[in-house]
Protein backbone atom coordinates (compact mmCIF):
# COMPACT_ATOMS: atom_id res chain seq x y z
CA MET A 1 83.58 80.16 89.08
CA PRO A 2 85.35 82.33 86.47
CA PHE A 3 88.51 82.62 88.71
CA ASN A 4 90.61 79.59 89.80
CA GLY A 5 91.27 80.82 93.38
CA SER A 6 94.58 82.46 92.39
CA GLY A 7 93.11 85.34 90.53
CA VAL A 8 93.33 83.62 87.08
CA TYR A 9 90.41 83.76 84.78
CA VAL A 10 89.53 80.36 83.55
CA ARG A 11 87.45 80.12 80.26
CA THR A 12 84.73 77.56 80.20
CA GLU A 13 84.44 77.13 76.49
CA ASN A 14 86.96 76.88 73.50
CA TRP A 15 85.35 78.21 70.43
CA THR A 16 88.32 77.26 68.22
CA ASN A 17 88.03 73.64 69.21
CA ASP A 18 84.35 73.70 68.35
CA ALA A 19 85.06 75.21 64.89
CA ASN A 20 87.72 72.66 64.19
CA ASN A 21 85.40 69.89 65.12
CA ASN A 22 82.66 71.36 62.85
CA LEU A 23 80.34 71.92 65.82
CA PRO A 24 77.88 74.77 65.46
CA ILE A 25 77.66 77.71 67.84
CA SER A 26 75.63 76.74 70.86
CA ALA A 27 73.36 79.38 72.54
CA THR A 28 73.73 77.32 75.76
CA LYS A 29 77.56 77.35 75.56
CA PHE A 30 77.64 80.99 74.56
CA ASP A 31 75.28 81.99 77.55
CA THR A 32 77.56 79.96 79.90
CA GLU A 33 80.61 81.77 78.76
CA ALA A 34 79.05 85.25 78.89
CA ASN A 35 77.48 84.64 82.28
CA ASP A 36 80.93 83.52 83.63
CA MET A 37 82.36 86.82 82.24
CA ALA A 38 79.59 88.76 83.92
CA THR A 39 80.33 87.07 87.20
CA ALA A 40 84.13 87.83 86.71
CA PHE A 41 83.39 91.54 86.20
CA GLY A 42 81.21 91.61 89.34
CA LEU A 43 84.30 90.36 91.28
CA CYS A 44 86.58 93.11 90.12
CA LEU A 45 87.51 96.43 91.81
CA THR A 46 86.41 99.42 89.75
CA ARG A 47 87.95 102.82 89.48
CA ASP A 48 84.88 104.69 90.40
CA GLY A 49 84.37 102.81 93.61
CA GLN A 50 81.29 100.73 92.62
CA GLY A 51 83.10 97.41 93.01
CA ALA A 52 84.23 97.77 96.63
CA PRO A 53 85.99 94.95 98.45
CA VAL A 54 83.73 92.67 100.62
CA SER A 55 86.57 90.78 102.16
CA PRO A 56 90.07 91.82 103.47
CA LEU A 57 92.64 92.18 100.68
CA THR A 58 96.09 90.74 101.12
CA TRP A 59 98.80 92.27 98.97
CA THR A 60 101.69 89.93 98.02
CA GLN A 61 103.79 93.00 97.04
CA MET A 62 104.06 96.55 98.43
CA LEU A 63 100.88 98.68 97.86
CA THR A 64 101.77 101.99 96.29
CA VAL A 65 99.17 104.78 96.16
CA ALA A 66 99.93 107.79 94.04
CA MET A 67 97.94 110.88 94.75
CA ALA A 68 97.89 113.74 92.19
CA SER A 69 97.10 116.60 94.64
CA ASP A 70 97.81 117.82 98.06
CA ALA A 71 93.94 117.48 98.89
CA ALA A 72 94.00 113.86 98.28
CA ALA A 73 94.45 111.33 101.20
CA ILE A 74 94.52 107.77 102.14
CA VAL A 75 91.68 107.24 104.63
CA ALA A 76 91.21 104.33 106.94
CA GLY A 77 87.86 104.70 108.73
CA ARG A 78 85.26 103.01 110.76
CA THR A 79 81.68 103.08 109.48
CA GLY A 80 78.45 102.23 111.20
CA GLY A 81 79.41 103.12 114.66
CA SER A 82 78.58 106.21 116.89
CA ASN A 83 81.94 107.95 116.58
CA ASN A 84 83.44 106.41 113.33
CA PRO A 85 87.03 107.32 113.86
CA GLN A 86 89.37 107.79 110.89
CA ILE A 87 93.07 107.93 110.19
CA GLN A 88 94.01 110.20 107.16
CA LEU A 89 97.44 110.20 105.57
CA LYS A 90 98.11 113.26 103.47
CA LEU A 91 101.13 113.98 101.48
CA ALA A 92 101.27 117.81 100.99
CA ASP A 93 104.00 118.90 98.50
CA ALA A 94 104.89 121.97 100.28
CA THR A 95 105.03 120.73 103.90
CA GLY A 96 105.70 117.12 103.61
CA GLY A 97 103.68 114.24 105.04
CA ILE A 98 100.82 114.88 107.34
CA ILE A 99 98.93 112.33 109.41
CA ASN A 100 95.52 113.67 110.68
CA LEU A 101 93.62 111.77 113.34
CA THR A 102 89.99 112.52 113.37
CA THR A 103 88.06 110.70 115.96
CA ALA A 104 86.06 111.11 119.15
CA GLN A 105 87.70 107.96 120.52
CA ALA A 106 91.28 106.77 121.13
CA LEU A 107 93.11 105.16 118.25
CA ALA A 108 95.52 102.43 119.09
CA LEU A 109 98.61 101.17 117.22
CA ALA A 110 98.98 97.54 117.85
CA ILE A 111 101.89 95.25 117.04
CA ALA A 112 101.19 91.45 117.18
CA GLY A 113 98.02 92.03 118.74
CA THR A 114 99.28 94.19 121.72
CA ASN A 115 98.60 97.89 121.93
CA VAL A 116 101.85 99.81 121.98
CA LEU A 117 100.63 103.47 121.40
CA THR A 118 97.30 105.03 121.94
CA VAL A 119 96.38 108.60 120.67
CA ASN A 120 93.36 110.50 121.71
CA GLY A 121 92.19 114.08 121.53
CA THR A 122 94.39 115.15 124.53
CA SER A 123 97.35 112.85 125.04
CA VAL A 124 99.56 110.14 123.64
CA ALA A 125 100.02 107.02 125.86
CA SER A 126 102.59 104.22 125.36
CA ALA A 127 102.46 100.84 126.96
CA GLN A 128 106.17 100.52 126.46
CA PRO A 129 109.16 102.88 126.58
CA VAL A 130 109.24 104.93 123.44
CA SER A 131 112.74 105.18 121.72
CA ALA A 132 113.99 107.28 118.89
CA SER A 133 117.27 106.68 117.38
CA ARG A 134 119.47 107.64 114.44
CA ALA A 135 122.65 106.17 112.92
CA SER A 136 124.77 109.26 113.15
CA ASP A 137 125.27 112.37 115.14
CA GLY A 138 122.48 114.91 115.14
CA THR A 139 118.92 115.65 116.27
CA VAL A 140 116.68 112.73 117.16
CA PHE A 141 113.84 114.50 118.62
CA THR A 142 112.14 118.06 118.21
CA LEU A 143 109.21 119.45 120.03
CA SER A 144 107.90 122.76 118.86
CA ARG A 145 105.06 125.32 119.14
CA THR A 146 103.44 126.51 116.01
CA GLY A 147 101.03 129.31 115.20
CA GLY A 148 102.28 131.74 117.97
CA THR A 149 104.51 134.75 118.24
CA ASN A 150 107.77 133.16 119.34
CA ASN A 151 107.02 129.41 118.46
CA PRO A 152 109.81 127.88 120.68
CA ALA A 153 111.28 124.53 119.84
CA LEU A 154 112.92 121.90 122.04
CA THR A 155 115.46 119.59 120.27
CA VAL A 156 117.38 116.75 121.67
CA THR A 157 120.76 115.96 119.85
CA VAL A 158 122.88 112.87 120.37
CA ASN A 159 126.56 113.20 119.79
CA ASP A 160 128.48 109.87 119.74
CA ALA A 161 131.94 111.41 119.78
CA ALA A 162 131.50 113.26 123.13
CA GLN A 163 128.81 110.89 124.47
CA THR A 164 126.49 113.80 125.15
CA PHE A 165 122.89 114.71 124.89
CA ALA A 166 122.24 118.38 124.08
CA PHE A 167 119.01 120.19 124.71
CA ALA A 168 118.45 123.36 122.56
CA ILE A 169 115.70 126.06 122.67
CA GLY A 170 115.41 128.22 119.57
CA GLY A 171 118.59 126.75 118.19
CA THR A 172 120.68 127.59 121.19
CA THR A 173 121.98 124.94 123.41
CA VAL A 174 120.73 125.34 127.02
CA MET A 175 121.83 122.18 128.70
CA THR A 176 124.23 119.29 128.01
CA LEU A 177 124.12 115.91 129.68
CA SER A 178 127.23 113.66 129.68
CA SER A 179 128.73 111.01 131.84
CA THR A 180 130.64 113.58 133.61
CA GLY A 181 127.79 115.90 134.53
CA VAL A 182 125.35 118.52 133.47
CA THR A 183 126.32 121.76 131.77
CA ALA A 184 123.84 124.58 131.50
CA PRO A 185 125.28 127.69 129.87
CA GLY A 186 123.75 130.85 131.32
CA PHE A 187 121.76 129.07 133.88
CA ASN A 188 120.45 131.45 136.58
CA LYS A 189 119.15 130.09 139.81
CA SER A 190 116.08 131.85 141.26
CA PRO A 191 116.45 133.06 144.89
């Protein structure tokens, strides 16, 4: 084998030693060395995708993928099945990071083998309570409508100093929750 199990290429012959010992070039040794290199090349990943992995790859350091255009994406997909779901991560320069889920089935996020979040075409389900947090005062959650005429947005803001949670629609606070009660400016009760 050309590699030693740790990814280091190991030569089979030493031509300098043969020359120092006045040994002629051996066709057998040359073929052995050349065949070993051919095997090594066959085990390498190629830039054009010909040398695809046949086993899971374990990265000992962070894997960094640089994409030169907005159209490029990191795609994790299932092949050979009926629905073949995909997760696509796109980094658009103008709009920020976008994660596209394209599947006919549900996609599950698992931690330590246990599903904690499931996403399908119509809903998101969580096996555990979902929490969002931030280290300072400010918005921790925003739910918005896009592509419409008014495009309302609901934001939840956490304020440590006053121990309050504020709900805002369109940038205007409509309800504040605190340990002393609920405040709803402009709240009108229907008859």
